[in-house]
Amino acid sequence: VQLVESGGGLVQAGGSLRLSCAASGFTFDDYAVGWFREAPGKEREGVSCISSRGDDTWYANSVAGRFTISADIAKNTVTVYLQMDSLKPEDAAVYYCAVAARARRLVRPRFADYWGQGTQVTIST
């Protein structure tokens, strides 16, 4: 399984960024793809996830209403997007894409089976 993230960068508070994750190489039928983030000195936390059929999404309370997850789904490959609007300084972190090889919400890091390399999101004030 390969996960390749892109789209991180520096943005002013109140601005927007869109992260992408190209996931490929898996053969399981049911899975979930999601985003986690890890800020310096903090534990990695779940941000959002989407099911393999795109019919179930989840958002952390801290990002609900500001972030939107979506996906282009094909057989054994999926590109997942995280549109981040109204960014706040506390959103700054390394964002990781992850896949669970089963139908479950990726709300905890231990639920993930595969990880991307991470992409840095920096918020200026």
PDB file of N, CA and C in Angstrom:
ATOM      1  N   VAL A   1       0.843  -1.188   0.000  1.00  0.00           N
ATOM      2  CA  VAL A   1       0.000   0.000   0.000  1.00  0.00           C
ATOM      3  C   VAL A   1       0.882   1.244   0.000  1.00  0.00           C
ATOM      4  N   GLN A   2       0.542   2.164  -0.856  1.00  0.00           N
ATOM      5  CA  GLN A   2       1.300   3.410  -0.927  1.00  0.00           C
ATOM      6  C   GLN A   2       0.357   4.589  -0.711  1.00  0.00           C
ATOM      7  N   LEU A   3       0.789   5.486   0.126  1.00  0.00           N
ATOM      8  CA  LEU A   3       0.027   6.700   0.403  1.00  0.00           C
ATOM      9  C   LEU A   3       0.947   7.884   0.168  1.00  0.00           C
ATOM     10  N   VAL A   4       0.544   8.779  -0.688  1.00  0.00           N
ATOM     11  CA  VAL A   4       1.369   9.937  -1.004  1.00  0.00           C
ATOM     12  C   VAL A   4       0.538  11.195  -0.794  1.00  0.00           C
ATOM     13  N   GLU A   5       0.962  11.988   0.183  1.00  0.00           N
ATOM     14  CA  GLU A   5       0.242  13.218   0.497  1.00  0.00           C
ATOM     15  C   GLU A   5       0.865  14.397  -0.245  1.00  0.00           C
ATOM     16  N   SER A   6       0.062  15.401  -0.454  1.00  0.00           N
ATOM     17  CA  SER A   6       0.543  16.660  -1.023  1.00  0.00           C
ATOM     18  C   SER A   6      -0.410  17.767  -0.616  1.00  0.00           C
ATOM     19  N   GLY A   7       0.023  19.003  -0.802  1.00  0.00           N
ATOM     20  CA  GLY A   7      -0.864  20.128  -0.572  1.00  0.00           C
ATOM     21  C   GLY A   7      -0.606  20.939   0.675  1.00  0.00           C
ATOM     22  N   GLY A   8       0.306  20.486   1.506  1.00  0.00           N
ATOM     23  CA  GLY A   8       0.608  21.262   2.695  1.00  0.00           C
ATOM     24  C   GLY A   8       1.356  22.541   2.334  1.00  0.00           C
ATOM     25  N   GLY A   9       1.523  23.398   3.322  1.00  0.00           N
ATOM     26  CA  GLY A   9       2.249  24.640   3.081  1.00  0.00           C
ATOM     27  C   GLY A   9       1.968  25.662   4.150  1.00  0.00           C
ATOM     28  N   LEU A  10       2.290  26.897   3.822  1.00  0.00           N
ATOM     29  CA  LEU A  10       2.116  28.021   4.741  1.00  0.00           C
ATOM     30  C   LEU A  10       0.913  28.842   4.298  1.00  0.00           C
ATOM     31  N   VAL A  11       0.044  29.135   5.244  1.00  0.00           N
ATOM     32  CA  VAL A  11      -1.152  29.920   4.935  1.00  0.00           C
ATOM     33  C   VAL A  11      -1.454  30.820   6.118  1.00  0.00           C
ATOM     34  N   GLN A  12      -2.062  31.946   5.836  1.00  0.00           N
ATOM     35  CA  GLN A  12      -2.455  32.860   6.909  1.00  0.00           C
ATOM     36  C   GLN A  12      -3.687  32.321   7.632  1.00  0.00           C
ATOM     37  N   ALA A  13      -3.787  32.671   8.887  1.00  0.00           N
ATOM     38  CA  ALA A  13      -4.984  32.322   9.644  1.00  0.00           C
ATOM     39  C   ALA A  13      -6.210  32.867   8.925  1.00  0.00           C
ATOM     40  N   GLY A  14      -7.235  32.035   8.843  1.00  0.00           N
ATOM     41  CA  GLY A  14      -8.438  32.400   8.114  1.00  0.00           C
ATOM     42  C   GLY A  14      -8.438  31.933   6.677  1.00  0.00           C
ATOM     43  N   GLY A  15      -7.283  31.491   6.210  1.00  0.00           N
ATOM     44  CA  GLY A  15      -7.155  31.037   4.838  1.00  0.00           C
ATOM     45  C   GLY A  15      -7.531  29.579   4.659  1.00  0.00           C
ATOM     46  N   SER A  16      -7.237  29.070   3.455  1.00  0.00           N
ATOM     47  CA  SER A  16      -7.616  27.713   3.093  1.00  0.00           C
ATOM     48  C   SER A  16      -6.450  26.949   2.483  1.00  0.00           C
ATOM     49  N   LEU A  17      -6.494  25.650   2.635  1.00  0.00           N
ATOM     50  CA  LEU A  17      -5.566  24.740   1.979  1.00  0.00           C
ATOM     51  C   LEU A  17      -6.339  23.482   1.613  1.00  0.00           C
ATOM     52  N   ARG A  18      -5.882  22.804   0.583  1.00  0.00           N
ATOM     53  CA  ARG A  18      -6.452  21.509   0.255  1.00  0.00           C
ATOM     54  C   ARG A  18      -5.346  20.468   0.214  1.00  0.00           C
ATOM     55  N   LEU A  19      -5.502  19.467   1.048  1.00  0.00           N
ATOM     56  CA  LEU A  19      -4.567  18.355   1.078  1.00  0.00           C
ATOM     57  C   LEU A  19      -5.089  17.237   0.189  1.00  0.00           C
ATOM     58  N   SER A  20      -4.159  16.516  -0.422  1.00  0.00           N
ATOM     59  CA  SER A  20      -4.510  15.357  -1.245  1.00  0.00           C
ATOM     60  C   SER A  20      -3.723  14.153  -0.772  1.00  0.00           C
ATOM     61  N   CYS A  21      -4.343  13.009  -0.912  1.00  0.00           N
ATOM     62  CA  CYS A  21      -3.681  11.751  -0.581  1.00  0.00           C
ATOM     63  C   CYS A  21      -4.006  10.752  -1.673  1.00  0.00           C
ATOM     64  N   ALA A  22      -2.990  10.323  -2.404  1.00  0.00           N
ATOM     65  CA  ALA A  22      -3.163   9.303  -3.431  1.00  0.00           C
ATOM     66  C   ALA A  22      -2.821   7.959  -2.819  1.00  0.00           C
ATOM     67  N   ALA A  23      -3.824   7.112  -2.692  1.00  0.00           N
ATOM     68  CA  ALA A  23      -3.650   5.803  -2.070  1.00  0.00           C
ATOM     69  C   ALA A  23      -3.789   4.721  -3.125  1.00  0.00           C
ATOM     70  N   SER A  24      -2.851   3.794  -3.126  1.00  0.00           N
ATOM     71  CA  SER A  24      -2.892   2.735  -4.124  1.00  0.00           C
ATOM     72  C   SER A  24      -2.261   1.466  -3.581  1.00  0.00           C
ATOM     73  N   GLY A  25      -2.476   0.370  -4.317  1.00  0.00           N
ATOM     74  CA  GLY A  25      -1.814  -0.875  -3.966  1.00  0.00           C
ATOM     75  C   GLY A  25      -2.540  -1.743  -2.974  1.00  0.00           C
ATOM     76  N   PHE A  26      -3.789  -1.423  -2.647  1.00  0.00           N
ATOM     77  CA  PHE A  26      -4.496  -2.295  -1.712  1.00  0.00           C
ATOM     78  C   PHE A  26      -5.603  -3.044  -2.438  1.00  0.00           C
ATOM     79  N   THR A  27      -5.914  -4.220  -1.907  1.00  0.00           N
ATOM     80  CA  THR A  27      -6.866  -5.102  -2.574  1.00  0.00           C
ATOM     81  C   THR A  27      -8.096  -5.401  -1.737  1.00  0.00           C
ATOM     82  N   PHE A  28      -8.146  -4.891  -0.515  1.00  0.00           N
ATOM     83  CA  PHE A  28      -9.311  -5.156   0.315  1.00  0.00           C
ATOM     84  C   PHE A  28     -10.493  -4.343  -0.182  1.00  0.00           C
ATOM     85  N   ASP A  29     -11.675  -4.925  -0.037  1.00  0.00           N
ATOM     86  CA  ASP A  29     -12.875  -4.314  -0.589  1.00  0.00           C
ATOM     87  C   ASP A  29     -13.409  -3.193   0.295  1.00  0.00           C
ATOM     88  N   ASP A  30     -13.378  -3.413   1.581  1.00  0.00           N
ATOM     89  CA  ASP A  30     -13.882  -2.406   2.511  1.00  0.00           C
ATOM     90  C   ASP A  30     -12.716  -1.788   3.258  1.00  0.00           C
ATOM     91  N   TYR A  31     -12.667  -0.494   3.282  1.00  0.00           N
ATOM     92  CA  TYR A  31     -11.577   0.201   3.946  1.00  0.00           C
ATOM     93  C   TYR A  31     -12.045   1.599   4.287  1.00  0.00           C
ATOM     94  N   ALA A  32     -11.224   2.291   4.986  1.00  0.00           N
ATOM     95  CA  ALA A  32     -11.471   3.696   5.291  1.00  0.00           C
ATOM     96  C   ALA A  32     -10.174   4.454   5.076  1.00  0.00           C
ATOM     97  N   VAL A  33     -10.296   5.669   4.616  1.00  0.00           N
ATOM     98  CA  VAL A  33      -9.143   6.538   4.435  1.00  0.00           C
ATOM     99  C   VAL A  33      -9.383   7.795   5.246  1.00  0.00           C
ATOM    100  N   GLY A  34      -8.364   8.235   5.924  1.00  0.00           N
ATOM    101  CA  GLY A  34      -8.563   9.402   6.764  1.00  0.00           C
ATOM    102  C   GLY A  34      -7.318  10.233   6.934  1.00  0.00           C
ATOM    103  N   TRP A  35      -7.501  11.281   7.689  1.00  0.00           N
ATOM    104  CA  TRP A  35      -6.414  12.205   7.997  1.00  0.00           C
ATOM    105  C   TRP A  35      -6.234  12.313   9.504  1.00  0.00           C
ATOM    106  N   PHE A  36      -4.985  12.301   9.899  1.00  0.00           N
ATOM    107  CA  PHE A  36      -4.598  12.574  11.275  1.00  0.00           C
ATOM    108  C   PHE A  36      -3.664  13.774  11.249  1.00  0.00           C
ATOM    109  N   ARG A  37      -3.446  14.341  12.405  1.00  0.00           N
ATOM    110  CA  ARG A  37      -2.459  15.419  12.500  1.00  0.00           C
ATOM    111  C   ARG A  37      -1.721  15.314  13.820  1.00  0.00           C
ATOM    112  N   GLU A  38      -0.498  15.817  13.771  1.00  0.00           N
ATOM    113  CA  GLU A  38       0.342  15.781  14.964  1.00  0.00           C
ATOM    114  C   GLU A  38       1.076  17.091  15.072  1.00  0.00           C
ATOM    115  N   ALA A  39       0.783  17.829  16.128  1.00  0.00           N
ATOM    116  CA  ALA A  39       1.457  19.090  16.405  1.00  0.00           C
ATOM    117  C   ALA A  39       2.597  18.838  17.384  1.00  0.00           C
ATOM    118  N   PRO A  40       3.586  19.702  17.408  1.00  0.00           N
ATOM    119  CA  PRO A  40       4.723  19.515  18.337  1.00  0.00           C
ATOM    120  C   PRO A  40       4.242  19.402  19.775  1.00  0.00           C
ATOM    121  N   GLY A  41       4.695  18.378  20.445  1.00  0.00           N
ATOM    122  CA  GLY A  41       4.350  18.198  21.844  1.00  0.00           C
ATOM    123  C   GLY A  41       2.973  17.620  22.091  1.00  0.00           C
ATOM    124  N   LYS A  42       2.254  17.291  21.028  1.00  0.00           N
ATOM    125  CA  LYS A  42       0.913  16.737  21.187  1.00  0.00           C
ATOM    126  C   LYS A  42       0.819  15.353  20.554  1.00  0.00           C
ATOM    127  N   GLU A  43      -0.171  14.618  20.991  1.00  0.00           N
ATOM    128  CA  GLU A  43      -0.388  13.300  20.428  1.00  0.00           C
ATOM    129  C   GLU A  43      -1.043  13.414  19.048  1.00  0.00           C
ATOM    130  N   ARG A  44      -0.794  12.398  18.252  1.00  0.00           N
ATOM    131  CA  ARG A  44      -1.443  12.344  16.945  1.00  0.00           C
ATOM    132  C   ARG A  44      -2.944  12.169  17.160  1.00  0.00           C
ATOM    133  N   GLU A  45      -3.731  12.943  16.415  1.00  0.00           N
ATOM    134  CA  GLU A  45      -5.174  12.900  16.600  1.00  0.00           C
ATOM    135  C   GLU A  45      -5.891  12.745  15.258  1.00  0.00           C
ATOM    136  N   GLY A  46      -7.031  12.086  15.314  1.00  0.00           N
ATOM    137  CA  GLY A  46      -7.849  11.938  14.127  1.00  0.00           C
ATOM    138  C   GLY A  46      -8.486  13.256  13.751  1.00  0.00           C
ATOM    139  N   VAL A  47      -8.534  13.534  12.448  1.00  0.00           N
ATOM    140  CA  VAL A  47      -9.121  14.760  11.940  1.00  0.00           C
ATOM    141  C   VAL A  47     -10.410  14.469  11.176  1.00  0.00           C
ATOM    142  N   SER A  48     -10.329  13.532  10.236  1.00  0.00           N
ATOM    143  CA  SER A  48     -11.488  13.230   9.409  1.00  0.00           C
ATOM    144  C   SER A  48     -11.241  11.918   8.685  1.00  0.00           C
ATOM    145  N   CYS A  49     -12.322  11.241   8.301  1.00  0.00           N
ATOM    146  CA  CYS A  49     -12.159  10.025   7.515  1.00  0.00           C
ATOM    147  C   CYS A  49     -13.385   9.817   6.634  1.00  0.00           C
ATOM    148  N   ILE A  50     -13.209   8.941   5.656  1.00  0.00           N
ATOM    149  CA  ILE A  50     -14.279   8.640   4.716  1.00  0.00           C
ATOM    150  C   ILE A  50     -14.243   7.157   4.415  1.00  0.00           C
ATOM    151  N   SER A  51     -15.414   6.581   4.200  1.00  0.00           N
ATOM    152  CA  SER A  51     -15.496   5.151   3.944  1.00  0.00           C
ATOM    153  C   SER A  51     -15.144   4.845   2.491  1.00  0.00           C
ATOM    154  N   SER A  52     -14.955   3.559   2.208  1.00  0.00           N
ATOM    155  CA  SER A  52     -14.558   3.143   0.864  1.00  0.00           C
ATOM    156  C   SER A  52     -15.630   3.421  -0.178  1.00  0.00           C
ATOM    157  N   ARG A  53     -16.872   3.525   0.245  1.00  0.00           N
ATOM    158  CA  ARG A  53     -17.948   3.837  -0.689  1.00  0.00           C
ATOM    159  C   ARG A  53     -18.268   5.328  -0.708  1.00  0.00           C
ATOM    160  N   GLY A  54     -17.597   6.053   0.157  1.00  0.00           N
ATOM    161  CA  GLY A  54     -17.822   7.491   0.214  1.00  0.00           C
ATOM    162  C   GLY A  54     -19.121   7.894   0.869  1.00  0.00           C
ATOM    163  N   ASP A  55     -19.786   6.942   1.519  1.00  0.00           N
ATOM    164  CA  ASP A  55     -21.106   7.231   2.067  1.00  0.00           C
ATOM    165  C   ASP A  55     -21.093   7.494   3.563  1.00  0.00           C
ATOM    166  N   ASP A  56     -19.913   7.460   4.151  1.00  0.00           N
ATOM    167  CA  ASP A  56     -19.812   7.741   5.582  1.00  0.00           C
ATOM    168  C   ASP A  56     -18.578   8.598   5.823  1.00  0.00           C
ATOM    169  N   THR A  57     -18.771   9.699   6.498  1.00  0.00           N
ATOM    170  CA  THR A  57     -17.659  10.581   6.842  1.00  0.00           C
ATOM    171  C   THR A  57     -17.712  10.905   8.322  1.00  0.00           C
ATOM    172  N   TRP A  58     -16.565  11.248   8.834  1.00  0.00           N
ATOM    173  CA  TRP A  58     -16.456  11.626  10.240  1.00  0.00           C
ATOM    174  C   TRP A  58     -15.491  12.802  10.350  1.00  0.00           C
ATOM    175  N   TYR A  59     -15.791  13.701  11.285  1.00  0.00           N
ATOM    176  CA  TYR A  59     -14.931  14.855  11.542  1.00  0.00           C
ATOM    177  C   TYR A  59     -14.724  14.996  13.037  1.00  0.00           C
ATOM    178  N   ALA A  60     -13.529  15.360  13.414  1.00  0.00           N
ATOM    179  CA  ALA A  60     -13.279  15.734  14.795  1.00  0.00           C
ATOM    180  C   ALA A  60     -14.057  17.012  15.104  1.00  0.00           C
ATOM    181  N   ASN A  61     -14.478  17.160  16.334  1.00  0.00           N
ATOM    182  CA  ASN A  61     -15.245  18.347  16.721  1.00  0.00           C
ATOM    183  C   ASN A  61     -14.491  19.634  16.414  1.00  0.00           C
ATOM    184  N   SER A  62     -13.179  19.585  16.544  1.00  0.00           N
ATOM    185  CA  SER A  62     -12.366  20.782  16.371  1.00  0.00           C
ATOM    186  C   SER A  62     -12.332  21.292  14.933  1.00  0.00           C
ATOM    187  N   VAL A  63     -12.710  20.441  13.970  1.00  0.00           N
ATOM    188  CA  VAL A  63     -12.650  20.849  12.564  1.00  0.00           C
ATOM    189  C   VAL A  63     -14.008  20.801  11.873  1.00  0.00           C
ATOM    190  N   ALA A  64     -15.000  20.239  12.521  1.00  0.00           N
ATOM    191  CA  ALA A  64     -16.330  20.121  11.910  1.00  0.00           C
ATOM    192  C   ALA A  64     -16.848  21.499  11.519  1.00  0.00           C
ATOM    193  N   GLY A  65     -17.346  21.580  10.297  1.00  0.00           N
ATOM    194  CA  GLY A  65     -17.855  22.844   9.790  1.00  0.00           C
ATOM    195  C   GLY A  65     -16.813  23.679   9.070  1.00  0.00           C
ATOM    196  N   ARG A  66     -15.557  23.325   9.231  1.00  0.00           N
ATOM    197  CA  ARG A  66     -14.474  24.057   8.556  1.00  0.00           C
ATOM    198  C   ARG A  66     -13.728  23.185   7.545  1.00  0.00           C
ATOM    199  N   PHE A  67     -13.629  21.910   7.815  1.00  0.00           N
ATOM    200  CA  PHE A  67     -12.937  20.968   6.942  1.00  0.00           C
ATOM    201  C   PHE A  67     -13.954  20.099   6.214  1.00  0.00           C
ATOM    202  N   THR A  68     -13.612  19.718   4.994  1.00  0.00           N
ATOM    203  CA  THR A  68     -14.467  18.834   4.213  1.00  0.00           C
ATOM    204  C   THR A  68     -13.617  17.755   3.570  1.00  0.00           C
ATOM    205  N   ILE A  69     -14.004  16.509   3.792  1.00  0.00           N
ATOM    206  CA  ILE A  69     -13.288  15.394   3.182  1.00  0.00           C
ATOM    207  C   ILE A  69     -14.084  14.885   1.993  1.00  0.00           C
ATOM    208  N   SER A  70     -13.376  14.500   0.942  1.00  0.00           N
ATOM    209  CA  SER A  70     -14.015  13.939  -0.238  1.00  0.00           C
ATOM    210  C   SER A  70     -13.047  12.962  -0.874  1.00  0.00           C
ATOM    211  N   ALA A  71     -13.561  12.178  -1.827  1.00  0.00           N
ATOM    212  CA  ALA A  71     -12.712  11.158  -2.425  1.00  0.00           C
ATOM    213  C   ALA A  71     -13.127  10.850  -3.847  1.00  0.00           C
ATOM    214  N   ASP A  72     -12.124  10.564  -4.665  1.00  0.00           N
ATOM    215  CA  ASP A  72     -12.327   9.984  -5.992  1.00  0.00           C
ATOM    216  C   ASP A  72     -11.952   8.527  -5.858  1.00  0.00           C
ATOM    217  N   ILE A  73     -12.952   7.651  -5.966  1.00  0.00           N
ATOM    218  CA  ILE A  73     -12.755   6.244  -5.648  1.00  0.00           C
ATOM    219  C   ILE A  73     -12.791   5.406  -6.911  1.00  0.00           C
ATOM    220  N   ALA A  74     -11.768   4.574  -7.067  1.00  0.00           N
ATOM    221  CA  ALA A  74     -11.735   3.602  -8.159  1.00  0.00           C
ATOM    222  C   ALA A  74     -11.322   2.267  -7.553  1.00  0.00           C
ATOM    223  N   LYS A  75     -11.349   1.238  -8.347  1.00  0.00           N
ATOM    224  CA  LYS A  75     -10.987  -0.071  -7.815  1.00  0.00           C
ATOM    225  C   LYS A  75      -9.524  -0.060  -7.396  1.00  0.00           C
ATOM    226  N   ASN A  76      -9.296  -0.301  -6.105  1.00  0.00           N
ATOM    227  CA  ASN A  76      -7.958  -0.424  -5.521  1.00  0.00           C
ATOM    228  C   ASN A  76      -7.143   0.859  -5.491  1.00  0.00           C
ATOM    229  N   THR A  77      -7.715   1.953  -5.913  1.00  0.00           N
ATOM    230  CA  THR A  77      -7.033   3.234  -5.778  1.00  0.00           C
ATOM    231  C   THR A  77      -8.054   4.278  -5.355  1.00  0.00           C
ATOM    232  N   VAL A  78      -7.575   5.230  -4.612  1.00  0.00           N
ATOM    233  CA  VAL A  78      -8.458   6.308  -4.183  1.00  0.00           C
ATOM    234  C   VAL A  78      -7.613   7.545  -3.939  1.00  0.00           C
ATOM    235  N   THR A  79      -8.143   8.674  -4.305  1.00  0.00           N
ATOM    236  CA  THR A  79      -7.522   9.937  -3.959  1.00  0.00           C
ATOM    237  C   THR A  79      -8.463  10.656  -3.006  1.00  0.00           C
ATOM    238  N   VAL A  80      -7.952  10.968  -1.848  1.00  0.00           N
ATOM    239  CA  VAL A  80      -8.761  11.603  -0.819  1.00  0.00           C
ATOM    240  C   VAL A  80      -8.293  13.041  -0.645  1.00  0.00           C
ATOM    241  N   TYR A  81      -9.243  13.931  -0.539  1.00  0.00           N
ATOM    242  CA  TYR A  81      -8.953  15.346  -0.386  1.00  0.00           C
ATOM    243  C   TYR A  81      -9.459  15.837   0.963  1.00  0.00           C
ATOM    244  N   LEU A  82      -8.732  16.749   1.538  1.00  0.00           N
ATOM    245  CA  LEU A  82      -9.178  17.412   2.756  1.00  0.00           C
ATOM    246  C   LEU A  82      -9.136  18.911   2.496  1.00  0.00           C
ATOM    247  N   GLN A  83     -10.304  19.489   2.280  1.00  0.00           N
ATOM    248  CA  GLN A  83     -10.406  20.921   2.097  1.00  0.00           C
ATOM    249  C   GLN A  83     -10.473  21.569   3.463  1.00  0.00           C
ATOM    250  N   MET A  84      -9.524  22.432   3.738  1.00  0.00           N
ATOM    251  CA  MET A  84      -9.439  23.058   5.052  1.00  0.00           C
ATOM    252  C   MET A  84      -9.677  24.549   4.893  1.00  0.00           C
ATOM    253  N   ASP A  85     -10.753  25.020   5.449  1.00  0.00           N
ATOM    254  CA  ASP A  85     -11.118  26.441   5.377  1.00  0.00           C
ATOM    255  C   ASP A  85     -11.085  27.059   6.771  1.00  0.00           C
ATOM    256  N   SER A  86     -11.071  28.370   6.798  1.00  0.00           N
ATOM    257  CA  SER A  86     -11.074  29.112   8.071  1.00  0.00           C
ATOM    258  C   SER A  86     -10.008  28.568   9.016  1.00  0.00           C
ATOM    259  N   LEU A  87      -8.823  28.412   8.496  1.00  0.00           N
ATOM    260  CA  LEU A  87      -7.753  27.802   9.282  1.00  0.00           C
ATOM    261  C   LEU A  87      -7.383  28.658  10.478  1.00  0.00           C
ATOM    262  N   LYS A  88      -7.102  27.963  11.556  1.00  0.00           N
ATOM    263  CA  LYS A  88      -6.732  28.609  12.809  1.00  0.00           C
ATOM    264  C   LYS A  88      -5.299  28.227  13.153  1.00  0.00           C
ATOM    265  N   PRO A  89      -4.645  29.034  13.991  1.00  0.00           N
ATOM    266  CA  PRO A  89      -3.278  28.682  14.397  1.00  0.00           C
ATOM    267  C   PRO A  89      -3.175  27.285  14.986  1.00  0.00           C
ATOM    268  N   GLU A  90      -4.210  26.856  15.688  1.00  0.00           N
ATOM    269  CA  GLU A  90      -4.164  25.522  16.303  1.00  0.00           C
ATOM    270  C   GLU A  90      -4.315  24.382  15.303  1.00  0.00           C
ATOM    271  N   ASP A  91      -4.572  24.710  14.033  1.00  0.00           N
ATOM    272  CA  ASP A  91      -4.605  23.680  13.006  1.00  0.00           C
ATOM    273  C   ASP A  91      -3.207  23.336  12.485  1.00  0.00           C
ATOM    274  N   ALA A  92      -2.210  24.117  12.855  1.00  0.00           N
ATOM    275  CA  ALA A  92      -0.847  23.853  12.403  1.00  0.00           C
ATOM    276  C   ALA A  92      -0.360  22.508  12.925  1.00  0.00           C
ATOM    277  N   ALA A  93       0.148  21.690  12.030  1.00  0.00           N
ATOM    278  CA  ALA A  93       0.594  20.348  12.403  1.00  0.00           C
ATOM    279  C   ALA A  93       1.137  19.660  11.158  1.00  0.00           C
ATOM    280  N   VAL A  94       1.708  18.490  11.375  1.00  0.00           N
ATOM    281  CA  VAL A  94       1.979  17.593  10.256  1.00  0.00           C
ATOM    282  C   VAL A  94       0.731  16.743  10.073  1.00  0.00           C
ATOM    283  N   TYR A  95       0.219  16.738   8.870  1.00  0.00           N
ATOM    284  CA  TYR A  95      -0.991  15.979   8.549  1.00  0.00           C
ATOM    285  C   TYR A  95      -0.601  14.680   7.848  1.00  0.00           C
ATOM    286  N   TYR A  96      -1.168  13.597   8.357  1.00  0.00           N
ATOM    287  CA  TYR A  96      -0.869  12.271   7.828  1.00  0.00           C
ATOM    288  C   TYR A  96      -2.127  11.646   7.237  1.00  0.00           C
ATOM    289  N   CYS A  97      -1.974  11.054   6.086  1.00  0.00           N
ATOM    290  CA  CYS A  97      -3.023  10.241   5.491  1.00  0.00           C
ATOM    291  C   CYS A  97      -2.862   8.814   6.004  1.00  0.00           C
ATOM    292  N   ALA A  98      -3.968   8.135   6.223  1.00  0.00           N
ATOM    293  CA  ALA A  98      -3.912   6.773   6.731  1.00  0.00           C
ATOM    294  C   ALA A  98      -5.049   5.944   6.156  1.00  0.00           C
ATOM    295  N   VAL A  99      -4.822   4.651   6.121  1.00  0.00           N
ATOM    296  CA  VAL A  99      -5.820   3.703   5.624  1.00  0.00           C
ATOM    297  C   VAL A  99      -6.043   2.619   6.655  1.00  0.00           C
ATOM    298  N   ALA A 100      -7.310   2.309   6.883  1.00  0.00           N
ATOM    299  CA  ALA A 100      -7.681   1.148   7.690  1.00  0.00           C
ATOM    300  C   ALA A 100      -8.176   0.074   6.737  1.00  0.00           C
ATOM    301  N   ALA A 101      -7.636  -1.132   6.876  1.00  0.00           N
ATOM    302  CA  ALA A 101      -7.983  -2.222   5.954  1.00  0.00           C
ATOM    303  C   ALA A 101      -9.261  -2.918   6.379  1.00  0.00           C
ATOM    304  N   ARG A 102     -10.222  -2.124   6.764  1.00  0.00           N
ATOM    305  CA  ARG A 102     -11.518  -2.635   7.169  1.00  0.00           C
ATOM    306  C   ARG A 102     -12.467  -1.439   7.249  1.00  0.00           C
ATOM    307  N   ALA A 103     -13.729  -1.723   7.315  1.00  0.00           N
ATOM    308  CA  ALA A 103     -14.711  -0.637   7.373  1.00  0.00           C
ATOM    309  C   ALA A 103     -14.833  -0.150   8.812  1.00  0.00           C
ATOM    310  N   ARG A 104     -14.081   0.885   9.148  1.00  0.00           N
ATOM    311  CA  ARG A 104     -14.197   1.462  10.483  1.00  0.00           C
ATOM    312  C   ARG A 104     -13.783   2.921  10.403  1.00  0.00           C
ATOM    313  N   ARG A 105     -14.267   3.679  11.336  1.00  0.00           N
ATOM    314  CA  ARG A 105     -13.906   5.090  11.363  1.00  0.00           C
ATOM    315  C   ARG A 105     -12.511   5.254  11.939  1.00  0.00           C
ATOM    316  N   LEU A 106     -11.720   6.010  11.255  1.00  0.00           N
ATOM    317  CA  LEU A 106     -10.335   6.245  11.673  1.00  0.00           C
ATOM    318  C   LEU A 106     -10.303   7.386  12.680  1.00  0.00           C
ATOM    319  N   VAL A 107     -10.770   7.107  13.861  1.00  0.00           N
ATOM    320  CA  VAL A 107     -10.784   8.141  14.891  1.00  0.00           C
ATOM    321  C   VAL A 107      -9.575   8.056  15.809  1.00  0.00           C
ATOM    322  N   ARG A 108      -8.889   6.931  15.787  1.00  0.00           N
ATOM    323  CA  ARG A 108      -7.699   6.748  16.633  1.00  0.00           C
ATOM    324  C   ARG A 108      -6.559   6.229  15.775  1.00  0.00           C
ATOM    325  N   PRO A 109      -5.334   6.681  16.068  1.00  0.00           N
ATOM    326  CA  PRO A 109      -4.186   6.213  15.276  1.00  0.00           C
ATOM    327  C   PRO A 109      -4.056   4.693  15.246  1.00  0.00           C
ATOM    328  N   ARG A 110      -4.423   4.026  16.344  1.00  0.00           N
ATOM    329  CA  ARG A 110      -4.253   2.573  16.374  1.00  0.00           C
ATOM    330  C   ARG A 110      -5.201   1.853  15.431  1.00  0.00           C
ATOM    331  N   PHE A 111      -6.187   2.551  14.900  1.00  0.00           N
ATOM    332  CA  PHE A 111      -7.109   1.939  13.939  1.00  0.00           C
ATOM    333  C   PHE A 111      -6.521   1.895  12.533  1.00  0.00           C
ATOM    334  N   ALA A 112      -5.458   2.625  12.298  1.00  0.00           N
ATOM    335  CA  ALA A 112      -4.876   2.701  10.961  1.00  0.00           C
ATOM    336  C   ALA A 112      -3.892   1.564  10.734  1.00  0.00           C
ATOM    337  N   ASP A 113      -3.879   1.066   9.509  1.00  0.00           N
ATOM    338  CA  ASP A 113      -2.947  -0.001   9.133  1.00  0.00           C
ATOM    339  C   ASP A 113      -1.806   0.514   8.263  1.00  0.00           C
ATOM    340  N   TYR A 114      -2.031   1.602   7.575  1.00  0.00           N
ATOM    341  CA  TYR A 114      -1.012   2.151   6.691  1.00  0.00           C
ATOM    342  C   TYR A 114      -0.978   3.662   6.846  1.00  0.00           C
ATOM    343  N   TRP A 115       0.228   4.207   6.682  1.00  0.00           N
ATOM    344  CA  TRP A 115       0.426   5.649   6.881  1.00  0.00           C
ATOM    345  C   TRP A 115       1.196   6.261   5.715  1.00  0.00           C
ATOM    346  N   GLY A 116       0.880   7.514   5.434  1.00  0.00           N
ATOM    347  CA  GLY A 116       1.692   8.290   4.524  1.00  0.00           C
ATOM    348  C   GLY A 116       2.847   8.939   5.269  1.00  0.00           C
ATOM    349  N   GLN A 117       3.626   9.699   4.527  1.00  0.00           N
ATOM    350  CA  GLN A 117       4.832  10.285   5.107  1.00  0.00           C
ATOM    351  C   GLN A 117       4.558  11.599   5.820  1.00  0.00           C
ATOM    352  N   GLY A 118       3.408  12.183   5.609  1.00  0.00           N
ATOM    353  CA  GLY A 118       3.035  13.424   6.274  1.00  0.00           C
ATOM    354  C   GLY A 118       3.328  14.650   5.439  1.00  0.00           C
ATOM    355  N   THR A 119       2.535  15.672   5.650  1.00  0.00           N
ATOM    356  CA  THR A 119       2.744  16.946   4.979  1.00  0.00           C
ATOM    357  C   THR A 119       2.525  18.064   5.996  1.00  0.00           C
ATOM    358  N   GLN A 120       3.402  19.041   5.989  1.00  0.00           N
ATOM    359  CA  GLN A 120       3.386  20.102   6.999  1.00  0.00           C
ATOM    360  C   GLN A 120       2.381  21.182   6.635  1.00  0.00           C
ATOM    361  N   VAL A 121       1.586  21.552   7.610  1.00  0.00           N
ATOM    362  CA  VAL A 121       0.682  22.697   7.473  1.00  0.00           C
ATOM    363  C   VAL A 121       1.100  23.735   8.507  1.00  0.00           C
ATOM    364  N   THR A 122       1.434  24.917   8.048  1.00  0.00           N
ATOM    365  CA  THR A 122       1.881  25.995   8.924  1.00  0.00           C
ATOM    366  C   THR A 122       0.925  27.170   8.783  1.00  0.00           C
ATOM    367  N   ILE A 123       0.509  27.721   9.902  1.00  0.00           N
ATOM    368  CA  ILE A 123      -0.449  28.827   9.917  1.00  0.00           C
ATOM    369  C   ILE A 123       0.248  30.074  10.446  1.00  0.00           C
ATOM    370  N   SER A 124       0.203  31.131   9.685  1.00  0.00           N
ATOM    371  CA  SER A 124       0.792  32.396  10.144  1.00  0.00           C
ATOM    372  C   SER A 124      -0.308  33.306  10.677  1.00  0.00           C
ATOM    373  N   THR A 125       0.063  34.125  11.652  1.00  0.00           N
ATOM    374  CA  THR A 125      -0.910  35.037  12.267  1.00  0.00           C
ATOM    375  C   THR A 125      -0.528  36.481  12.019  1.00  0.00           C
TER     376      THR A 125
END
